Amino acid sequence: MYLSINYERPPGEPGSGPIRVGWLRIEEKGGVLYGPPERVSFRQTNKGHAKSASRCPAVIQLESRYFLIRCPFDLHIGFGRDDKGPHIKNRAGKSGAVRGGKLSQVLTLVAEDEWRYPDRPTIQMHLPYVFIADEPVYITQLSPFAHYRKDQLPGTIFGGRFPIDVWPRPLMWAFEWHEPEKDIVLRRGEPLFYCQFEGEGPDRPIQLVEAEKTPELDSYMNHISGAVSYVNQTFSLFKAAEAARPKVLLKPRQS
């Protein structure tokens, strides 16, 4: 639990209307690889019948509350172990889209003593996406359950939930490798994970806007970054983070 900030809302908008959530790439290097978040929607489906699932209000409501992030790279990796310990193998070799020397900048194998299970390696893909809001909003990161994969991944995605208004940080794709004897194959453009946003009211829709990386936001993120390396329970720092947070961090980017 954390004590929410007493945000000043615009006059005439006491917690009503859409919840505005900003997104940005924390760094622009290679930004062309990282497309904008997309609202999960299957609009190009059968709507001819009145009882079609495409016209069901409950289905439409659910889809409208999820946003997807697509995989930025083609990757084919395997798991190995030698006298130096566990490691990731680049199965794609020289023909791979990501050069071998760059693979470690994209993927990290979590230290073995930090795995949840001794036989299930955990890997992380580093991404530049940051989400921010100027009112209490939680983000939940979860598997892209509504998109079908013909070739299932040999494990599960690590989900997570935290408040983006006080703890904006770059997201990552974390994966628990249940069957490390099987390779992981990811293709650029396929759904990597979903993001769901929760505000004060379940009836308020989400308005996603591209945000500016302002000096205030950059300074605040530097203030809270790296805490996970020194504190076991970063949620305990939310109250301290609130005290240093400027009231406005979300500035929509001008096109």
C-alpha atoms as a PDB file:
ATOM      1  CA  MET A   1       0.000   0.000   0.000  1.00  0.00           C
ATOM      2  CA  TYR A   2       1.138   3.543  -0.586  1.00  0.00           C
ATOM      3  CA  LEU A   3      -0.297   6.936   0.272  1.00  0.00           C
ATOM      4  CA  SER A   4      -1.488   8.501  -2.981  1.00  0.00           C
ATOM      5  CA  ILE A   5      -0.520  12.052  -3.815  1.00  0.00           C
ATOM      6  CA  ASN A   6      -3.160  14.744  -3.559  1.00  0.00           C
ATOM      7  CA  TYR A   7      -2.996  15.629  -7.249  1.00  0.00           C
ATOM      8  CA  GLU A   8      -4.537  18.872  -8.423  1.00  0.00           C
ATOM      9  CA  ARG A   9      -7.062  18.041 -11.134  1.00  0.00           C
ATOM     10  CA  PRO A  10      -8.184  20.506 -13.798  1.00  0.00           C
ATOM     11  CA  PRO A  11     -11.296  22.489 -12.768  1.00  0.00           C
ATOM     12  CA  GLY A  12     -14.532  20.660 -13.487  1.00  0.00           C
ATOM     13  CA  GLU A  13     -12.858  17.248 -13.693  1.00  0.00           C
ATOM     14  CA  PRO A  14     -13.063  15.696 -10.198  1.00  0.00           C
ATOM     15  CA  GLY A  15     -11.866  12.238 -11.193  1.00  0.00           C
ATOM     16  CA  SER A  16     -14.151  11.988 -14.211  1.00  0.00           C
ATOM     17  CA  GLY A  17     -13.439  11.493 -17.883  1.00  0.00           C
ATOM     18  CA  PRO A  18     -10.659   9.340 -19.327  1.00  0.00           C
ATOM     19  CA  ILE A  19      -7.526   8.498 -17.390  1.00  0.00           C
ATOM     20  CA  ARG A  20      -4.582   9.954 -19.280  1.00  0.00           C
ATOM     21  CA  VAL A  21      -1.518   7.718 -19.389  1.00  0.00           C
ATOM     22  CA  GLY A  22       1.674   8.823 -21.089  1.00  0.00           C
ATOM     23  CA  TRP A  23       4.220   6.567 -22.745  1.00  0.00           C
ATOM     24  CA  LEU A  24       7.716   7.301 -23.990  1.00  0.00           C
ATOM     25  CA  ARG A  25      10.976   5.667 -24.942  1.00  0.00           C
ATOM     26  CA  ILE A  26      13.512   6.492 -22.271  1.00  0.00           C
ATOM     27  CA  GLU A  27      16.207   6.472 -24.947  1.00  0.00           C
ATOM     28  CA  GLU A  28      15.869   7.126 -28.661  1.00  0.00           C
ATOM     29  CA  LYS A  29      18.808   4.996 -29.827  1.00  0.00           C
ATOM     30  CA  GLY A  30      17.272   2.368 -32.098  1.00  0.00           C
ATOM     31  CA  GLY A  31      13.852   3.851 -31.392  1.00  0.00           C
ATOM     32  CA  VAL A  32      12.582   2.828 -34.820  1.00  0.00           C
ATOM     33  CA  LEU A  33      12.591  -0.793 -33.582  1.00  0.00           C
ATOM     34  CA  TYR A  34      10.199  -0.028 -30.736  1.00  0.00           C
ATOM     35  CA  GLY A  35       6.759   0.768 -32.067  1.00  0.00           C
ATOM     36  CA  PRO A  36       4.104   2.577 -30.038  1.00  0.00           C
ATOM     37  CA  PRO A  37       1.834   0.600 -27.708  1.00  0.00           C
ATOM     38  CA  GLU A  38      -1.324  -0.569 -29.478  1.00  0.00           C
ATOM     39  CA  ARG A  39      -4.800  -1.018 -28.064  1.00  0.00           C
ATOM     40  CA  VAL A  40      -5.781  -4.682 -28.187  1.00  0.00           C
ATOM     41  CA  SER A  41      -8.588  -4.891 -30.682  1.00  0.00           C
ATOM     42  CA  PHE A  42      -9.981  -7.454 -33.100  1.00  0.00           C
ATOM     43  CA  ARG A  43     -12.153  -5.084 -35.131  1.00  0.00           C
ATOM     44  CA  GLN A  44     -11.613  -6.815 -38.468  1.00  0.00           C
ATOM     45  CA  THR A  45     -13.664  -9.818 -37.403  1.00  0.00           C
ATOM     46  CA  ASN A  46     -17.186 -11.038 -38.090  1.00  0.00           C
ATOM     47  CA  LYS A  47     -19.816  -8.537 -36.958  1.00  0.00           C
ATOM     48  CA  GLY A  48     -22.579  -9.658 -39.282  1.00  0.00           C
ATOM     49  CA  HIS A  49     -24.527 -11.480 -36.606  1.00  0.00           C
ATOM     50  CA  ALA A  50     -26.056  -9.548 -33.711  1.00  0.00           C
ATOM     51  CA  LYS A  51     -24.762 -12.180 -31.274  1.00  0.00           C
ATOM     52  CA  SER A  52     -21.239 -12.176 -32.680  1.00  0.00           C
ATOM     53  CA  ALA A  53     -18.522 -11.959 -30.026  1.00  0.00           C
ATOM     54  CA  SER A  54     -17.128  -8.972 -31.965  1.00  0.00           C
ATOM     55  CA  ARG A  55     -20.247  -7.008 -30.993  1.00  0.00           C
ATOM     56  CA  CYS A  56     -20.439  -8.189 -27.391  1.00  0.00           C
ATOM     57  CA  PRO A  57     -20.127  -5.175 -25.016  1.00  0.00           C
ATOM     58  CA  ALA A  58     -18.244  -7.269 -22.459  1.00  0.00           C
ATOM     59  CA  VAL A  59     -15.664  -8.362 -25.042  1.00  0.00           C
ATOM     60  CA  ILE A  60     -15.276  -4.811 -26.345  1.00  0.00           C
ATOM     61  CA  GLN A  61     -14.844  -3.493 -22.794  1.00  0.00           C
ATOM     62  CA  LEU A  62     -12.153  -6.053 -22.047  1.00  0.00           C
ATOM     63  CA  GLU A  63     -10.203  -5.451 -25.248  1.00  0.00           C
ATOM     64  CA  SER A  64     -10.316  -1.675 -24.799  1.00  0.00           C
ATOM     65  CA  ARG A  65      -8.456  -1.917 -21.485  1.00  0.00           C
ATOM     66  CA  TYR A  66      -5.383  -3.757 -22.750  1.00  0.00           C
ATOM     67  CA  PHE A  67      -2.484  -2.393 -24.771  1.00  0.00           C
ATOM     68  CA  LEU A  68       0.131  -4.567 -26.432  1.00  0.00           C
ATOM     69  CA  ILE A  69       3.853  -4.185 -26.936  1.00  0.00           C
ATOM     70  CA  ARG A  70       5.291  -5.981 -29.940  1.00  0.00           C
ATOM     71  CA  CYS A  71       8.581  -7.856 -30.032  1.00  0.00           C
ATOM     72  CA  PRO A  72      11.292  -5.601 -31.521  1.00  0.00           C
ATOM     73  CA  PHE A  73      13.681  -8.350 -32.672  1.00  0.00           C
ATOM     74  CA  ASP A  74      13.925 -11.759 -34.287  1.00  0.00           C
ATOM     75  CA  LEU A  75      15.578 -14.009 -31.721  1.00  0.00           C
ATOM     76  CA  HIS A  76      16.403 -17.709 -31.562  1.00  0.00           C
ATOM     77  CA  ILE A  77      18.160 -18.669 -28.343  1.00  0.00           C
ATOM     78  CA  GLY A  78      18.966 -21.803 -26.410  1.00  0.00           C
ATOM     79  CA  PHE A  79      20.115 -22.538 -22.873  1.00  0.00           C
ATOM     80  CA  GLY A  80      23.506 -23.983 -22.048  1.00  0.00           C
ATOM     81  CA  ARG A  81      25.714 -24.759 -19.089  1.00  0.00           C
ATOM     82  CA  ASP A  82      29.466 -25.266 -18.826  1.00  0.00           C
ATOM     83  CA  ASP A  83      32.175 -25.060 -16.168  1.00  0.00           C
ATOM     84  CA  LYS A  84      31.529 -21.315 -15.919  1.00  0.00           C
ATOM     85  CA  GLY A  85      27.840 -21.805 -15.238  1.00  0.00           C
ATOM     86  CA  PRO A  86      24.586 -21.281 -17.173  1.00  0.00           C
ATOM     87  CA  HIS A  87      24.496 -19.111 -20.288  1.00  0.00           C
ATOM     88  CA  ILE A  88      22.389 -18.164 -23.317  1.00  0.00           C
ATOM     89  CA  LYS A  89      23.247 -19.597 -26.737  1.00  0.00           C
ATOM     90  CA  ASN A  90      22.606 -17.637 -29.905  1.00  0.00           C
ATOM     91  CA  ARG A  91      21.088 -20.376 -32.083  1.00  0.00           C
ATOM     92  CA  ALA A  92      20.637 -18.010 -35.032  1.00  0.00           C
ATOM     93  CA  GLY A  93      24.381 -17.594 -35.352  1.00  0.00           C
ATOM     94  CA  LYS A  94      25.740 -15.284 -38.027  1.00  0.00           C
ATOM     95  CA  SER A  95      22.416 -15.324 -39.863  1.00  0.00           C
ATOM     96  CA  GLY A  96      20.583 -13.881 -36.874  1.00  0.00           C
ATOM     97  CA  ALA A  97      19.050 -10.416 -36.920  1.00  0.00           C
ATOM     98  CA  VAL A  98      20.810  -9.496 -33.656  1.00  0.00           C
ATOM     99  CA  ARG A  99      24.594  -9.754 -33.829  1.00  0.00           C
ATOM    100  CA  GLY A 100      26.201 -12.037 -31.273  1.00  0.00           C
ATOM    101  CA  GLY A 101      28.097  -9.178 -29.689  1.00  0.00           C
ATOM    102  CA  LYS A 102      24.861  -7.244 -29.164  1.00  0.00           C
ATOM    103  CA  LEU A 103      22.834 -10.124 -27.726  1.00  0.00           C
ATOM    104  CA  SER A 104      23.988  -9.470 -24.161  1.00  0.00           C
ATOM    105  CA  GLN A 105      22.732  -5.878 -24.501  1.00  0.00           C
ATOM    106  CA  VAL A 106      19.287  -7.170 -25.414  1.00  0.00           C
ATOM    107  CA  LEU A 107      18.925 -10.225 -23.172  1.00  0.00           C
ATOM    108  CA  THR A 108      20.170 -10.988 -19.674  1.00  0.00           C
ATOM    109  CA  LEU A 109      20.225 -14.358 -17.950  1.00  0.00           C
ATOM    110  CA  VAL A 110      19.309 -13.686 -14.314  1.00  0.00           C
ATOM    111  CA  ALA A 111      21.812 -14.958 -11.751  1.00  0.00           C
ATOM    112  CA  GLU A 112      21.058 -18.582 -10.935  1.00  0.00           C
ATOM    113  CA  ASP A 113      20.595 -18.001  -7.199  1.00  0.00           C
ATOM    114  CA  GLU A 114      17.770 -15.557  -8.033  1.00  0.00           C
ATOM    115  CA  TRP A 115      15.671 -18.058 -10.026  1.00  0.00           C
ATOM    116  CA  ARG A 116      12.355 -18.970  -8.429  1.00  0.00           C
ATOM    117  CA  TYR A 117      12.992 -22.651  -9.161  1.00  0.00           C
ATOM    118  CA  PRO A 118      16.421 -24.299  -9.495  1.00  0.00           C
ATOM    119  CA  ASP A 119      15.529 -25.907 -12.837  1.00  0.00           C
ATOM    120  CA  ARG A 120      13.819 -22.888 -14.447  1.00  0.00           C
ATOM    121  CA  PRO A 121      16.192 -20.197 -15.729  1.00  0.00           C
ATOM    122  CA  THR A 122      14.904 -16.620 -15.878  1.00  0.00           C
ATOM    123  CA  ILE A 123      15.800 -14.270 -18.716  1.00  0.00           C
ATOM    124  CA  GLN A 124      15.053 -10.591 -19.192  1.00  0.00           C
ATOM    125  CA  MET A 125      14.722  -8.488 -22.353  1.00  0.00           C
ATOM    126  CA  HIS A 126      15.580  -4.847 -21.773  1.00  0.00           C
ATOM    127  CA  LEU A 127      13.123  -2.384 -23.298  1.00  0.00           C
ATOM    128  CA  PRO A 128      12.950   1.445 -23.375  1.00  0.00           C
ATOM    129  CA  TYR A 129       9.199   1.802 -22.682  1.00  0.00           C
ATOM    130  CA  VAL A 130       8.169   3.982 -19.731  1.00  0.00           C
ATOM    131  CA  PHE A 131       4.592   4.803 -18.681  1.00  0.00           C
ATOM    132  CA  ILE A 132       3.649   7.788 -16.525  1.00  0.00           C
ATOM    133  CA  ALA A 133       0.477   9.342 -15.093  1.00  0.00           C
ATOM    134  CA  ASP A 134      -0.349  12.405 -13.000  1.00  0.00           C
ATOM    135  CA  GLU A 135      -2.995  10.620 -10.942  1.00  0.00           C
ATOM    136  CA  PRO A 136      -2.961   7.246  -9.156  1.00  0.00           C
ATOM    137  CA  VAL A 137      -2.645   4.565 -11.838  1.00  0.00           C
ATOM    138  CA  TYR A 138      -1.382   0.997 -11.611  1.00  0.00           C
ATOM    139  CA  ILE A 139       0.054  -0.882 -14.569  1.00  0.00           C
ATOM    140  CA  THR A 140      -0.233  -4.667 -14.825  1.00  0.00           C
ATOM    141  CA  GLN A 141       2.088  -6.416 -17.250  1.00  0.00           C
ATOM    142  CA  LEU A 142       0.884  -9.833 -18.408  1.00  0.00           C
ATOM    143  CA  SER A 143       1.032 -12.450 -21.140  1.00  0.00           C
ATOM    144  CA  PRO A 144      -0.672 -11.676 -24.504  1.00  0.00           C
ATOM    145  CA  PHE A 145      -3.432 -14.173 -23.750  1.00  0.00           C
ATOM    146  CA  ALA A 146      -5.793 -13.134 -26.564  1.00  0.00           C
ATOM    147  CA  HIS A 147      -3.234 -13.730 -29.322  1.00  0.00           C
ATOM    148  CA  TYR A 148      -2.665 -17.303 -30.439  1.00  0.00           C
ATOM    149  CA  ARG A 149       0.841 -18.688 -30.917  1.00  0.00           C
ATOM    150  CA  LYS A 150       1.116 -21.750 -33.135  1.00  0.00           C
ATOM    151  CA  ASP A 151       4.502 -22.561 -31.578  1.00  0.00           C
ATOM    152  CA  GLN A 152       4.094 -22.114 -27.842  1.00  0.00           C
ATOM    153  CA  LEU A 153       6.961 -20.702 -25.811  1.00  0.00           C
ATOM    154  CA  PRO A 154       8.646 -23.192 -23.424  1.00  0.00           C
ATOM    155  CA  GLY A 155       7.723 -21.282 -20.298  1.00  0.00           C
ATOM    156  CA  THR A 156       5.737 -18.396 -18.874  1.00  0.00           C
ATOM    157  CA  ILE A 157       6.010 -14.637 -18.795  1.00  0.00           C
ATOM    158  CA  PHE A 158       6.646 -12.966 -15.453  1.00  0.00           C
ATOM    159  CA  GLY A 159       3.816 -10.541 -14.770  1.00  0.00           C
ATOM    160  CA  GLY A 160       3.984  -7.529 -12.507  1.00  0.00           C
ATOM    161  CA  ARG A 161       1.929  -4.679 -11.076  1.00  0.00           C
ATOM    162  CA  PHE A 162       3.099  -1.297  -9.766  1.00  0.00           C
ATOM    163  CA  PRO A 163       1.993   2.376  -9.659  1.00  0.00           C
ATOM    164  CA  ILE A 164       3.295   4.374 -12.608  1.00  0.00           C
ATOM    165  CA  ASP A 165       2.441   7.717 -11.011  1.00  0.00           C
ATOM    166  CA  VAL A 166       5.128   7.297  -8.320  1.00  0.00           C
ATOM    167  CA  TRP A 167       7.363   4.608  -9.817  1.00  0.00           C
ATOM    168  CA  PRO A 168       7.889   5.226 -13.566  1.00  0.00           C
ATOM    169  CA  ARG A 169      10.607   2.917 -14.819  1.00  0.00           C
ATOM    170  CA  PRO A 170      11.582   1.130 -18.058  1.00  0.00           C
ATOM    171  CA  LEU A 171       9.691  -2.101 -18.596  1.00  0.00           C
ATOM    172  CA  MET A 172      11.319  -5.395 -19.406  1.00  0.00           C
ATOM    173  CA  TRP A 173      10.108  -8.717 -20.704  1.00  0.00           C
ATOM    174  CA  ALA A 174      10.889 -11.363 -18.097  1.00  0.00           C
ATOM    175  CA  PHE A 175      10.515 -15.040 -18.926  1.00  0.00           C
ATOM    176  CA  GLU A 176      10.700 -18.165 -16.791  1.00  0.00           C
ATOM    177  CA  TRP A 177      12.141 -20.985 -18.890  1.00  0.00           C
ATOM    178  CA  HIS A 178      10.193 -24.087 -17.748  1.00  0.00           C
ATOM    179  CA  GLU A 179      11.729 -26.337 -20.406  1.00  0.00           C
ATOM    180  CA  PRO A 180      15.287 -25.082 -20.939  1.00  0.00           C
ATOM    181  CA  GLU A 181      15.995 -28.007 -23.245  1.00  0.00           C
ATOM    182  CA  LYS A 182      13.686 -26.303 -25.764  1.00  0.00           C
ATOM    183  CA  ASP A 183      14.718 -23.170 -27.658  1.00  0.00           C
ATOM    184  CA  ILE A 184      12.987 -19.794 -27.419  1.00  0.00           C
ATOM    185  CA  VAL A 185      12.021 -18.334 -30.789  1.00  0.00           C
ATOM    186  CA  LEU A 186      10.684 -14.786 -30.924  1.00  0.00           C
ATOM    187  CA  ARG A 187       9.735 -12.936 -34.080  1.00  0.00           C
ATOM    188  CA  ARG A 188       9.745  -9.211 -34.628  1.00  0.00           C
ATOM    189  CA  GLY A 189       6.219  -7.808 -34.676  1.00  0.00           C
ATOM    190  CA  GLU A 190       4.486 -10.535 -32.700  1.00  0.00           C
ATOM    191  CA  PRO A 191       2.801  -9.542 -29.411  1.00  0.00           C
ATOM    192  CA  LEU A 192       5.334  -9.683 -26.577  1.00  0.00           C
ATOM    193  CA  PHE A 193       3.094  -8.728 -23.635  1.00  0.00           C
ATOM    194  CA  TYR A 194       0.015  -6.724 -22.647  1.00  0.00           C
ATOM    195  CA  CYS A 195      -0.303  -3.729 -20.338  1.00  0.00           C
ATOM    196  CA  GLN A 196      -3.462  -3.033 -18.369  1.00  0.00           C
ATOM    197  CA  PHE A 197      -4.028   0.247 -16.523  1.00  0.00           C
ATOM    198  CA  GLU A 198      -6.188   0.724 -13.429  1.00  0.00           C
ATOM    199  CA  GLY A 199      -7.202   4.076 -12.012  1.00  0.00           C
ATOM    200  CA  GLU A 200      -9.578   5.228  -9.307  1.00  0.00           C
ATOM    201  CA  GLY A 201     -12.708   4.221 -11.184  1.00  0.00           C
ATOM    202  CA  PRO A 202     -13.295   1.009 -13.149  1.00  0.00           C
ATOM    203  CA  ASP A 203     -15.661   2.847 -15.503  1.00  0.00           C
ATOM    204  CA  ARG A 204     -13.099   5.420 -16.688  1.00  0.00           C
ATOM    205  CA  PRO A 205     -11.507   4.644 -20.074  1.00  0.00           C
ATOM    206  CA  ILE A 206      -7.769   4.936 -20.703  1.00  0.00           C
ATOM    207  CA  GLN A 207      -6.399   7.637 -23.000  1.00  0.00           C
ATOM    208  CA  LEU A 208      -2.845   6.763 -24.039  1.00  0.00           C
ATOM    209  CA  VAL A 209      -0.669   9.645 -25.271  1.00  0.00           C
ATOM    210  CA  GLU A 210       2.975   9.905 -26.226  1.00  0.00           C
ATOM    211  CA  ALA A 211       4.829  11.893 -23.568  1.00  0.00           C
ATOM    212  CA  GLU A 212       7.857  14.162 -23.567  1.00  0.00           C
ATOM    213  CA  LYS A 213      11.011  13.195 -21.723  1.00  0.00           C
ATOM    214  CA  THR A 214      11.131  16.417 -19.748  1.00  0.00           C
ATOM    215  CA  PRO A 215      13.990  17.452 -17.430  1.00  0.00           C
ATOM    216  CA  GLU A 216      11.588  17.033 -14.485  1.00  0.00           C
ATOM    217  CA  LEU A 217      10.723  13.460 -15.463  1.00  0.00           C
ATOM    218  CA  ASP A 218      14.346  12.604 -16.183  1.00  0.00           C
ATOM    219  CA  SER A 219      15.440  14.000 -12.811  1.00  0.00           C
ATOM    220  CA  TYR A 220      12.700  12.132 -10.939  1.00  0.00           C
ATOM    221  CA  MET A 221      13.484   8.822 -12.634  1.00  0.00           C
ATOM    222  CA  ASN A 222      17.161   9.248 -11.792  1.00  0.00           C
ATOM    223  CA  HIS A 223      16.104   9.858  -8.200  1.00  0.00           C
ATOM    224  CA  ILE A 224      14.361   6.468  -7.935  1.00  0.00           C
ATOM    225  CA  SER A 225      16.466   4.403 -10.350  1.00  0.00           C
ATOM    226  CA  GLY A 226      18.689   1.638  -9.077  1.00  0.00           C
ATOM    227  CA  ALA A 227      16.856   1.294  -5.768  1.00  0.00           C
ATOM    228  CA  VAL A 228      16.114  -2.376  -6.476  1.00  0.00           C
ATOM    229  CA  SER A 229      19.844  -3.121  -6.151  1.00  0.00           C
ATOM    230  CA  TYR A 230      19.962  -1.826  -2.592  1.00  0.00           C
ATOM    231  CA  VAL A 231      16.501  -2.468  -1.098  1.00  0.00           C
ATOM    232  CA  ASN A 232      14.662  -5.803  -1.014  1.00  0.00           C
ATOM    233  CA  GLN A 233      11.144  -4.345  -1.022  1.00  0.00           C
ATOM    234  CA  THR A 234      11.045  -1.307  -3.318  1.00  0.00           C
ATOM    235  CA  PHE A 235       7.324  -0.832  -2.599  1.00  0.00           C
ATOM    236  CA  SER A 236       8.416   0.445   0.822  1.00  0.00           C
ATOM    237  CA  LEU A 237       9.999   3.428  -0.924  1.00  0.00           C
ATOM    238  CA  PHE A 238       6.805   4.720  -2.535  1.00  0.00           C
ATOM    239  CA  LYS A 239       6.032   7.168   0.251  1.00  0.00           C
ATOM    240  CA  ALA A 240       9.555   8.625   0.083  1.00  0.00           C
ATOM    241  CA  ALA A 241       9.311   8.836  -3.707  1.00  0.00           C
ATOM    242  CA  GLU A 242       6.034  10.761  -3.413  1.00  0.00           C
ATOM    243  CA  ALA A 243       7.706  13.419  -1.296  1.00  0.00           C
ATOM    244  CA  ALA A 244      10.178  14.152  -4.097  1.00  0.00           C
ATOM    245  CA  ARG A 245       7.697  13.888  -6.971  1.00  0.00           C
ATOM    246  CA  PRO A 246       6.776  17.038  -8.909  1.00  0.00           C
ATOM    247  CA  LYS A 247       2.991  17.413  -9.230  1.00  0.00           C
ATOM    248  CA  VAL A 248       3.182  17.296 -13.015  1.00  0.00           C
ATOM    249  CA  LEU A 249       5.366  14.790 -14.866  1.00  0.00           C
ATOM    250  CA  LEU A 250       3.205  13.987 -17.876  1.00  0.00           C
ATOM    251  CA  LYS A 251       3.641  16.432 -20.736  1.00  0.00           C
ATOM    252  CA  PRO A 252       2.069  15.235 -24.014  1.00  0.00           C
ATOM    253  CA  ARG A 253       4.489  15.279 -26.918  1.00  0.00           C
ATOM    254  CA  GLN A 254       3.743  17.855 -29.593  1.00  0.00           C
ATOM    255  CA  SER A 255       3.493  16.348 -33.077  1.00  0.00           C
END
